[in-house]
Amino acid sequence: MNWEIRYRSSVEKDVDRLPPDVRSVVLRTLAGLISDPFPQGTRKLSGPESRFRLRVAGSYRIVYKVFKVDHLIKIEFVGHGKDADRWF
């Protein structure tokens, strides 16, 4: 079954700011989450929420929440790892 993906309004701006080569990898990875919300390399972040981090293109991260009952993935952050580590 496919998952629905939603994202915060800031994520679109974050993706637009990425270098072109990184942007293409991130977009492919986001598209892949539709069929598999937990690809290889996914890590659960600490805390009570179902928040996960996925490393893409070396130093870049995608941070997202998974709502299993609703088959929903909410993308919260796309950007450099140093920024993801600061906020999440």
PDB file of N, CA and C in Angstrom:
ATOM      1  N   MET A   1       0.843  -1.194   0.000  1.00  0.00           N
ATOM      2  CA  MET A   1       0.000   0.000   0.000  1.00  0.00           C
ATOM      3  C   MET A   1       0.881   1.248   0.000  1.00  0.00           C
ATOM      4  N   ASN A   2       0.481   2.222  -0.764  1.00  0.00           N
ATOM      5  CA  ASN A   2       1.238   3.464  -0.831  1.00  0.00           C
ATOM      6  C   ASN A   2       0.891   4.392   0.321  1.00  0.00           C
ATOM      7  N   TRP A   3       1.864   5.190   0.694  1.00  0.00           N
ATOM      8  CA  TRP A   3       1.713   6.156   1.779  1.00  0.00           C
ATOM      9  C   TRP A   3       1.490   7.538   1.187  1.00  0.00           C
ATOM     10  N   GLU A   4       0.757   8.363   1.918  1.00  0.00           N
ATOM     11  CA  GLU A   4       0.560   9.752   1.515  1.00  0.00           C
ATOM     12  C   GLU A   4       1.676  10.585   2.141  1.00  0.00           C
ATOM     13  N   ILE A   5       2.206  11.524   1.376  1.00  0.00           N
ATOM     14  CA  ILE A   5       3.258  12.401   1.890  1.00  0.00           C
ATOM     15  C   ILE A   5       2.731  13.828   1.945  1.00  0.00           C
ATOM     16  N   ARG A   6       2.906  14.444   3.105  1.00  0.00           N
ATOM     17  CA  ARG A   6       2.615  15.871   3.289  1.00  0.00           C
ATOM     18  C   ARG A   6       3.872  16.512   3.831  1.00  0.00           C
ATOM     19  N   TYR A   7       3.975  17.818   3.699  1.00  0.00           N
ATOM     20  CA  TYR A   7       5.166  18.486   4.181  1.00  0.00           C
ATOM     21  C   TYR A   7       4.826  19.870   4.711  1.00  0.00           C
ATOM     22  N   ARG A   8       5.674  20.334   5.612  1.00  0.00           N
ATOM     23  CA  ARG A   8       5.541  21.690   6.139  1.00  0.00           C
ATOM     24  C   ARG A   8       5.821  22.677   5.018  1.00  0.00           C
ATOM     25  N   SER A   9       5.272  23.869   5.132  1.00  0.00           N
ATOM     26  CA  SER A   9       5.461  24.869   4.082  1.00  0.00           C
ATOM     27  C   SER A   9       6.927  25.239   3.904  1.00  0.00           C
ATOM     28  N   SER A  10       7.707  25.170   4.958  1.00  0.00           N
ATOM     29  CA  SER A  10       9.128  25.524   4.872  1.00  0.00           C
ATOM     30  C   SER A  10       9.953  24.496   4.102  1.00  0.00           C
ATOM     31  N   VAL A  11       9.469  23.283   3.974  1.00  0.00           N
ATOM     32  CA  VAL A  11      10.232  22.226   3.308  1.00  0.00           C
ATOM     33  C   VAL A  11      10.428  22.548   1.832  1.00  0.00           C
ATOM     34  N   GLU A  12       9.424  23.090   1.188  1.00  0.00           N
ATOM     35  CA  GLU A  12       9.550  23.432  -0.230  1.00  0.00           C
ATOM     36  C   GLU A  12      10.664  24.457  -0.437  1.00  0.00           C
ATOM     37  N   LYS A  13      10.746  25.443   0.441  1.00  0.00           N
ATOM     38  CA  LYS A  13      11.820  26.441   0.360  1.00  0.00           C
ATOM     39  C   LYS A  13      13.175  25.803   0.642  1.00  0.00           C
ATOM     40  N   ASP A  14      13.208  24.894   1.618  1.00  0.00           N
ATOM     41  CA  ASP A  14      14.459  24.201   1.943  1.00  0.00           C
ATOM     42  C   ASP A  14      14.980  23.419   0.750  1.00  0.00           C
ATOM     43  N   VAL A  15      14.094  22.713   0.063  1.00  0.00           N
ATOM     44  CA  VAL A  15      14.495  21.911  -1.094  1.00  0.00           C
ATOM     45  C   VAL A  15      14.990  22.824  -2.219  1.00  0.00           C
ATOM     46  N   ASP A  16      14.326  23.949  -2.421  1.00  0.00           N
ATOM     47  CA  ASP A  16      14.754  24.881  -3.478  1.00  0.00           C
ATOM     48  C   ASP A  16      16.146  25.444  -3.224  1.00  0.00           C
ATOM     49  N   ARG A  17      16.548  25.547  -1.969  1.00  0.00           N
ATOM     50  CA  ARG A  17      17.871  26.107  -1.622  1.00  0.00           C
ATOM     51  C   ARG A  17      19.010  25.095  -1.751  1.00  0.00           C
ATOM     52  N   LEU A  18      18.689  23.822  -1.913  1.00  0.00           N
ATOM     53  CA  LEU A  18      19.728  22.794  -1.992  1.00  0.00           C
ATOM     54  C   LEU A  18      20.501  22.909  -3.309  1.00  0.00           C
ATOM     55  N   PRO A  19      21.770  22.478  -3.297  1.00  0.00           N
ATOM     56  CA  PRO A  19      22.519  22.408  -4.560  1.00  0.00           C
ATOM     57  C   PRO A  19      21.789  21.467  -5.532  1.00  0.00           C
ATOM     58  N   PRO A  20      21.843  21.743  -6.830  1.00  0.00           N
ATOM     59  CA  PRO A  20      21.078  20.944  -7.811  1.00  0.00           C
ATOM     60  C   PRO A  20      21.324  19.438  -7.742  1.00  0.00           C
ATOM     61  N   ASP A  21      22.565  19.016  -7.551  1.00  0.00           N
ATOM     62  CA  ASP A  21      22.839  17.576  -7.503  1.00  0.00           C
ATOM     63  C   ASP A  21      22.225  16.942  -6.255  1.00  0.00           C
ATOM     64  N   VAL A  22      22.250  17.640  -5.146  1.00  0.00           N
ATOM     65  CA  VAL A  22      21.654  17.140  -3.905  1.00  0.00           C
ATOM     66  C   VAL A  22      20.134  17.150  -4.020  1.00  0.00           C
ATOM     67  N   ARG A  23      19.593  18.194  -4.635  1.00  0.00           N
ATOM     68  CA  ARG A  23      18.141  18.315  -4.788  1.00  0.00           C
ATOM     69  C   ARG A  23      17.560  17.117  -5.526  1.00  0.00           C
ATOM     70  N   SER A  24      18.224  16.681  -6.586  1.00  0.00           N
ATOM     71  CA  SER A  24      17.693  15.547  -7.350  1.00  0.00           C
ATOM     72  C   SER A  24      17.695  14.262  -6.520  1.00  0.00           C
ATOM     73  N   VAL A  25      18.732  14.063  -5.714  1.00  0.00           N
ATOM     74  CA  VAL A  25      18.785  12.879  -4.850  1.00  0.00           C
ATOM     75  C   VAL A  25      17.690  12.950  -3.784  1.00  0.00           C
ATOM     76  N   VAL A  26      17.498  14.119  -3.206  1.00  0.00           N
ATOM     77  CA  VAL A  26      16.465  14.302  -2.177  1.00  0.00           C
ATOM     78  C   VAL A  26      15.084  14.034  -2.762  1.00  0.00           C
ATOM     79  N   LEU A  27      14.807  14.559  -3.942  1.00  0.00           N
ATOM     80  CA  LEU A  27      13.491  14.360  -4.551  1.00  0.00           C
ATOM     81  C   LEU A  27      13.231  12.888  -4.886  1.00  0.00           C
ATOM     82  N   ARG A  28      14.256  12.187  -5.355  1.00  0.00           N
ATOM     83  CA  ARG A  28      14.105  10.748  -5.611  1.00  0.00           C
ATOM     84  C   ARG A  28      13.840   9.994  -4.316  1.00  0.00           C
ATOM     85  N   THR A  29      14.550  10.384  -3.246  1.00  0.00           N
ATOM     86  CA  THR A  29      14.372   9.731  -1.951  1.00  0.00           C
ATOM     87  C   THR A  29      12.971   9.983  -1.411  1.00  0.00           C
ATOM     88  N   LEU A  30      12.493  11.217  -1.527  1.00  0.00           N
ATOM     89  CA  LEU A  30      11.139  11.534  -1.074  1.00  0.00           C
ATOM     90  C   LEU A  30      10.102  10.723  -1.850  1.00  0.00           C
ATOM     91  N   ALA A  31      10.298  10.577  -3.147  1.00  0.00           N
ATOM     92  CA  ALA A  31       9.378   9.779  -3.955  1.00  0.00           C
ATOM     93  C   ALA A  31       9.397   8.312  -3.522  1.00  0.00           C
ATOM     94  N   GLY A  32      10.560   7.823  -3.127  1.00  0.00           N
ATOM     95  CA  GLY A  32      10.674   6.439  -2.668  1.00  0.00           C
ATOM     96  C   GLY A  32       9.978   6.172  -1.345  1.00  0.00           C
ATOM     97  N   LEU A  33       9.801   7.216  -0.534  1.00  0.00           N
ATOM     98  CA  LEU A  33       9.112   7.042   0.753  1.00  0.00           C
ATOM     99  C   LEU A  33       7.651   6.654   0.566  1.00  0.00           C
ATOM    100  N   ILE A  34       7.082   6.940  -0.592  1.00  0.00           N
ATOM    101  CA  ILE A  34       5.683   6.591  -0.849  1.00  0.00           C
ATOM    102  C   ILE A  34       5.469   5.085  -0.730  1.00  0.00           C
ATOM    103  N   SER A  35       6.415   4.306  -1.219  1.00  0.00           N
ATOM    104  CA  SER A  35       6.262   2.852  -1.164  1.00  0.00           C
ATOM    105  C   SER A  35       6.954   2.223   0.038  1.00  0.00           C
ATOM    106  N   ASP A  36       7.982   2.877   0.580  1.00  0.00           N
ATOM    107  CA  ASP A  36       8.712   2.331   1.723  1.00  0.00           C
ATOM    108  C   ASP A  36       9.104   3.460   2.676  1.00  0.00           C
ATOM    109  N   PRO A  37       8.339   3.659   3.755  1.00  0.00           N
ATOM    110  CA  PRO A  37       8.639   4.776   4.660  1.00  0.00           C
ATOM    111  C   PRO A  37       9.867   4.547   5.540  1.00  0.00           C
ATOM    112  N   PHE A  38      10.429   3.354   5.504  1.00  0.00           N
ATOM    113  CA  PHE A  38      11.595   3.043   6.324  1.00  0.00           C
ATOM    114  C   PHE A  38      12.705   2.417   5.477  1.00  0.00           C
ATOM    115  N   PRO A  39      13.264   3.179   4.522  1.00  0.00           N
ATOM    116  CA  PRO A  39      14.337   2.602   3.698  1.00  0.00           C
ATOM    117  C   PRO A  39      15.594   2.355   4.530  1.00  0.00           C
ATOM    118  N   GLN A  40      16.509   1.633   3.955  1.00  0.00           N
ATOM    119  CA  GLN A  40      17.763   1.339   4.641  1.00  0.00           C
ATOM    120  C   GLN A  40      18.448   2.640   5.049  1.00  0.00           C
ATOM    121  N   GLY A  41      18.911   2.687   6.283  1.00  0.00           N
ATOM    122  CA  GLY A  41      19.589   3.867   6.793  1.00  0.00           C
ATOM    123  C   GLY A  41      18.697   4.777   7.616  1.00  0.00           C
ATOM    124  N   THR A  42      17.418   4.452   7.717  1.00  0.00           N
ATOM    125  CA  THR A  42      16.497   5.267   8.511  1.00  0.00           C
ATOM    126  C   THR A  42      16.796   5.061   9.990  1.00  0.00           C
ATOM    127  N   ARG A  43      16.789   6.156  10.738  1.00  0.00           N
ATOM    128  CA  ARG A  43      17.024   6.094  12.188  1.00  0.00           C
ATOM    129  C   ARG A  43      15.871   6.762  12.911  1.00  0.00           C
ATOM    130  N   LYS A  44      15.401   6.144  13.974  1.00  0.00           N
ATOM    131  CA  LYS A  44      14.375   6.750  14.812  1.00  0.00           C
ATOM    132  C   LYS A  44      15.043   7.760  15.717  1.00  0.00           C
ATOM    133  N   LEU A  45      14.462   8.945  15.787  1.00  0.00           N
ATOM    134  CA  LEU A  45      14.985   9.979  16.673  1.00  0.00           C
ATOM    135  C   LEU A  45      14.391   9.788  18.060  1.00  0.00           C
ATOM    136  N   SER A  46      15.108  10.237  19.064  1.00  0.00           N
ATOM    137  CA  SER A  46      14.633  10.067  20.432  1.00  0.00           C
ATOM    138  C   SER A  46      13.411  10.942  20.675  1.00  0.00           C
ATOM    139  N   GLY A  47      12.588  10.504  21.594  1.00  0.00           N
ATOM    140  CA  GLY A  47      11.383  11.249  21.928  1.00  0.00           C
ATOM    141  C   GLY A  47      10.158  10.380  21.755  1.00  0.00           C
ATOM    142  N   PRO A  48       9.041  10.859  22.237  1.00  0.00           N
ATOM    143  CA  PRO A  48       7.821  10.055  22.215  1.00  0.00           C
ATOM    144  C   PRO A  48       7.160   9.974  20.845  1.00  0.00           C
ATOM    145  N   GLU A  49       7.491  10.872  19.941  1.00  0.00           N
ATOM    146  CA  GLU A  49       6.841  10.886  18.635  1.00  0.00           C
ATOM    147  C   GLU A  49       7.525   9.917  17.677  1.00  0.00           C
ATOM    148  N   SER A  50       6.822   9.533  16.648  1.00  0.00           N
ATOM    149  CA  SER A  50       7.368   8.638  15.622  1.00  0.00           C
ATOM    150  C   SER A  50       8.120   9.461  14.591  1.00  0.00           C
ATOM    151  N   ARG A  51       9.229  10.044  15.021  1.00  0.00           N
ATOM    152  CA  ARG A  51      10.029  10.911  14.147  1.00  0.00           C
ATOM    153  C   ARG A  51      11.274  10.146  13.707  1.00  0.00           C
ATOM    154  N   PHE A  52      11.594  10.253  12.407  1.00  0.00           N
ATOM    155  CA  PHE A  52      12.713   9.522  11.834  1.00  0.00           C
ATOM    156  C   PHE A  52      13.615  10.460  11.062  1.00  0.00           C
ATOM    157  N   ARG A  53      14.868  10.024  10.901  1.00  0.00           N
ATOM    158  CA  ARG A  53      15.859  10.778  10.152  1.00  0.00           C
ATOM    159  C   ARG A  53      16.446   9.861   9.093  1.00  0.00           C
ATOM    160  N   LEU A  54      16.618  10.405   7.916  1.00  0.00           N
ATOM    161  CA  LEU A  54      17.205   9.648   6.824  1.00  0.00           C
ATOM    162  C   LEU A  54      18.328  10.474   6.219  1.00  0.00           C
ATOM    163  N   ARG A  55      19.496   9.886   6.138  1.00  0.00           N
ATOM    164  CA  ARG A  55      20.651  10.574   5.541  1.00  0.00           C
ATOM    165  C   ARG A  55      20.608  10.388   4.032  1.00  0.00           C
ATOM    166  N   VAL A  56      20.779  11.503   3.321  1.00  0.00           N
ATOM    167  CA  VAL A  56      20.821  11.449   1.857  1.00  0.00           C
ATOM    168  C   VAL A  56      21.971  12.319   1.370  1.00  0.00           C
ATOM    169  N   ALA A  57      22.547  11.949   0.284  1.00  0.00           N
ATOM    170  CA  ALA A  57      23.598  12.742  -0.380  1.00  0.00           C
ATOM    171  C   ALA A  57      24.686  13.190   0.588  1.00  0.00           C
ATOM    172  N   GLY A  58      25.192  12.268   1.383  1.00  0.00           N
ATOM    173  CA  GLY A  58      26.299  12.584   2.283  1.00  0.00           C
ATOM    174  C   GLY A  58      25.863  13.269   3.552  1.00  0.00           C
ATOM    175  N   SER A  59      25.910  14.591   3.582  1.00  0.00           N
ATOM    176  CA  SER A  59      25.672  15.348   4.809  1.00  0.00           C
ATOM    177  C   SER A  59      24.253  15.872   4.963  1.00  0.00           C
ATOM    178  N   TYR A  60      23.362  15.521   4.082  1.00  0.00           N
ATOM    179  CA  TYR A  60      22.011  16.082   4.119  1.00  0.00           C
ATOM    180  C   TYR A  60      21.048  15.095   4.777  1.00  0.00           C
ATOM    181  N   ARG A  61      19.982  15.646   5.382  1.00  0.00           N
ATOM    182  CA  ARG A  61      19.035  14.832   6.136  1.00  0.00           C
ATOM    183  C   ARG A  61      17.606  15.175   5.749  1.00  0.00           C
ATOM    184  N   ILE A  62      16.759  14.162   5.848  1.00  0.00           N
ATOM    185  CA  ILE A  62      15.315  14.337   5.768  1.00  0.00           C
ATOM    186  C   ILE A  62      14.784  13.897   7.119  1.00  0.00           C
ATOM    187  N   VAL A  63      14.030  14.758   7.787  1.00  0.00           N
ATOM    188  CA  VAL A  63      13.420  14.426   9.073  1.00  0.00           C
ATOM    189  C   VAL A  63      11.917  14.381   8.843  1.00  0.00           C
ATOM    190  N   TYR A  64      11.283  13.289   9.283  1.00  0.00           N
ATOM    191  CA  TYR A  64       9.858  13.129   9.028  1.00  0.00           C
ATOM    192  C   TYR A  64       9.181  12.330  10.135  1.00  0.00           C
ATOM    193  N   LYS A  65       7.866  12.504  10.218  1.00  0.00           N
ATOM    194  CA  LYS A  65       7.036  11.744  11.155  1.00  0.00           C
ATOM    195  C   LYS A  65       6.236  10.729  10.359  1.00  0.00           C
ATOM    196  N   VAL A  66       5.991   9.572  10.981  1.00  0.00           N
ATOM    197  CA  VAL A  66       5.199   8.529  10.349  1.00  0.00           C
ATOM    198  C   VAL A  66       3.957   8.275  11.200  1.00  0.00           C
ATOM    199  N   PHE A  67       2.808   8.347  10.554  1.00  0.00           N
ATOM    200  CA  PHE A  67       1.533   8.046  11.202  1.00  0.00           C
ATOM    201  C   PHE A  67       1.021   6.748  10.579  1.00  0.00           C
ATOM    202  N   LYS A  68       1.299   5.626  11.237  1.00  0.00           N
ATOM    203  CA  LYS A  68       1.018   4.313  10.659  1.00  0.00           C
ATOM    204  C   LYS A  68      -0.467   4.068  10.434  1.00  0.00           C
ATOM    205  N   VAL A  69      -1.295   4.494  11.351  1.00  0.00           N
ATOM    206  CA  VAL A  69      -2.735   4.253  11.231  1.00  0.00           C
ATOM    207  C   VAL A  69      -3.302   4.932   9.993  1.00  0.00           C
ATOM    208  N   ASP A  70      -2.835   6.139   9.707  1.00  0.00           N
ATOM    209  CA  ASP A  70      -3.340   6.915   8.570  1.00  0.00           C
ATOM    210  C   ASP A  70      -2.543   6.698   7.289  1.00  0.00           C
ATOM    211  N   HIS A  71      -1.477   5.908   7.353  1.00  0.00           N
ATOM    212  CA  HIS A  71      -0.554   5.740   6.214  1.00  0.00           C
ATOM    213  C   HIS A  71      -0.113   7.102   5.698  1.00  0.00           C
ATOM    214  N   LEU A  72       0.375   7.924   6.625  1.00  0.00           N
ATOM    215  CA  LEU A  72       0.757   9.292   6.325  1.00  0.00           C
ATOM    216  C   LEU A  72       2.190   9.544   6.768  1.00  0.00           C
ATOM    217  N   ILE A  73       2.941  10.231   5.917  1.00  0.00           N
ATOM    218  CA  ILE A  73       4.301  10.665   6.235  1.00  0.00           C
ATOM    219  C   ILE A  73       4.297  12.186   6.155  1.00  0.00           C
ATOM    220  N   LYS A  74       4.757  12.842   7.225  1.00  0.00           N
ATOM    221  CA  LYS A  74       4.830  14.303   7.223  1.00  0.00           C
ATOM    222  C   LYS A  74       6.300  14.706   7.255  1.00  0.00           C
ATOM    223  N   ILE A  75       6.762  15.307   6.178  1.00  0.00           N
ATOM    224  CA  ILE A  75       8.142  15.767   6.064  1.00  0.00           C
ATOM    225  C   ILE A  75       8.267  17.061   6.865  1.00  0.00           C
ATOM    226  N   GLU A  76       9.218  17.085   7.808  1.00  0.00           N
ATOM    227  CA  GLU A  76       9.387  18.248   8.666  1.00  0.00           C
ATOM    228  C   GLU A  76      10.613  19.084   8.329  1.00  0.00           C
ATOM    229  N   PHE A  77      11.637  18.444   7.779  1.00  0.00           N
ATOM    230  CA  PHE A  77      12.883  19.159   7.521  1.00  0.00           C
ATOM    231  C   PHE A  77      13.647  18.475   6.412  1.00  0.00           C
ATOM    232  N   VAL A  78      14.226  19.271   5.533  1.00  0.00           N
ATOM    233  CA  VAL A  78      15.178  18.795   4.529  1.00  0.00           C
ATOM    234  C   VAL A  78      16.317  19.801   4.514  1.00  0.00           C
ATOM    235  N   GLY A  79      17.521  19.332   4.779  1.00  0.00           N
ATOM    236  CA  GLY A  79      18.654  20.247   4.773  1.00  0.00           C
ATOM    237  C   GLY A  79      19.923  19.603   5.256  1.00  0.00           C
ATOM    238  N   HIS A  80      20.919  20.421   5.539  1.00  0.00           N
ATOM    239  CA  HIS A  80      22.220  19.944   5.970  1.00  0.00           C
ATOM    240  C   HIS A  80      22.113  19.317   7.362  1.00  0.00           C
ATOM    241  N   GLY A  81      22.900  18.300   7.597  1.00  0.00           N
ATOM    242  CA  GLY A  81      22.868  17.578   8.863  1.00  0.00           C
ATOM    243  C   GLY A  81      23.125  18.440  10.081  1.00  0.00           C
ATOM    244  N   LYS A  82      24.000  19.433   9.952  1.00  0.00           N
ATOM    245  CA  LYS A  82      24.297  20.284  11.114  1.00  0.00           C
ATOM    246  C   LYS A  82      23.051  21.051  11.548  1.00  0.00           C
ATOM    247  N   ASP A  83      22.210  21.419  10.598  1.00  0.00           N
ATOM    248  CA  ASP A  83      20.974  22.114  10.932  1.00  0.00           C
ATOM    249  C   ASP A  83      19.934  21.147  11.507  1.00  0.00           C
ATOM    250  N   ALA A  84      19.884  19.940  10.985  1.00  0.00           N
ATOM    251  CA  ALA A  84      18.941  18.953  11.499  1.00  0.00           C
ATOM    252  C   ALA A  84      19.284  18.579  12.937  1.00  0.00           C
ATOM    253  N   ASP A  85      20.580  18.419  13.226  1.00  0.00           N
ATOM    254  CA  ASP A  85      21.000  18.048  14.566  1.00  0.00           C
ATOM    255  C   ASP A  85      20.681  19.155  15.571  1.00  0.00           C
ATOM    256  N   ARG A  86      20.699  20.385  15.119  1.00  0.00           N
ATOM    257  CA  ARG A  86      20.412  21.504  16.010  1.00  0.00           C
ATOM    258  C   ARG A  86      18.927  21.544  16.389  1.00  0.00           C
ATOM    259  N   TRP A  87      18.043  21.216  15.452  1.00  0.00           N
ATOM    260  CA  TRP A  87      16.609  21.348  15.698  1.00  0.00           C
ATOM    261  C   TRP A  87      15.947  20.076  16.178  1.00  0.00           C
ATOM    262  N   PHE A  88      16.519  18.939  15.822  1.00  0.00           N
ATOM    263  CA  PHE A  88      15.846  17.680  16.165  1.00  0.00           C
ATOM    264  C   PHE A  88      16.772  16.850  16.990  1.00  0.00           C
TER     265      PHE A  88
END
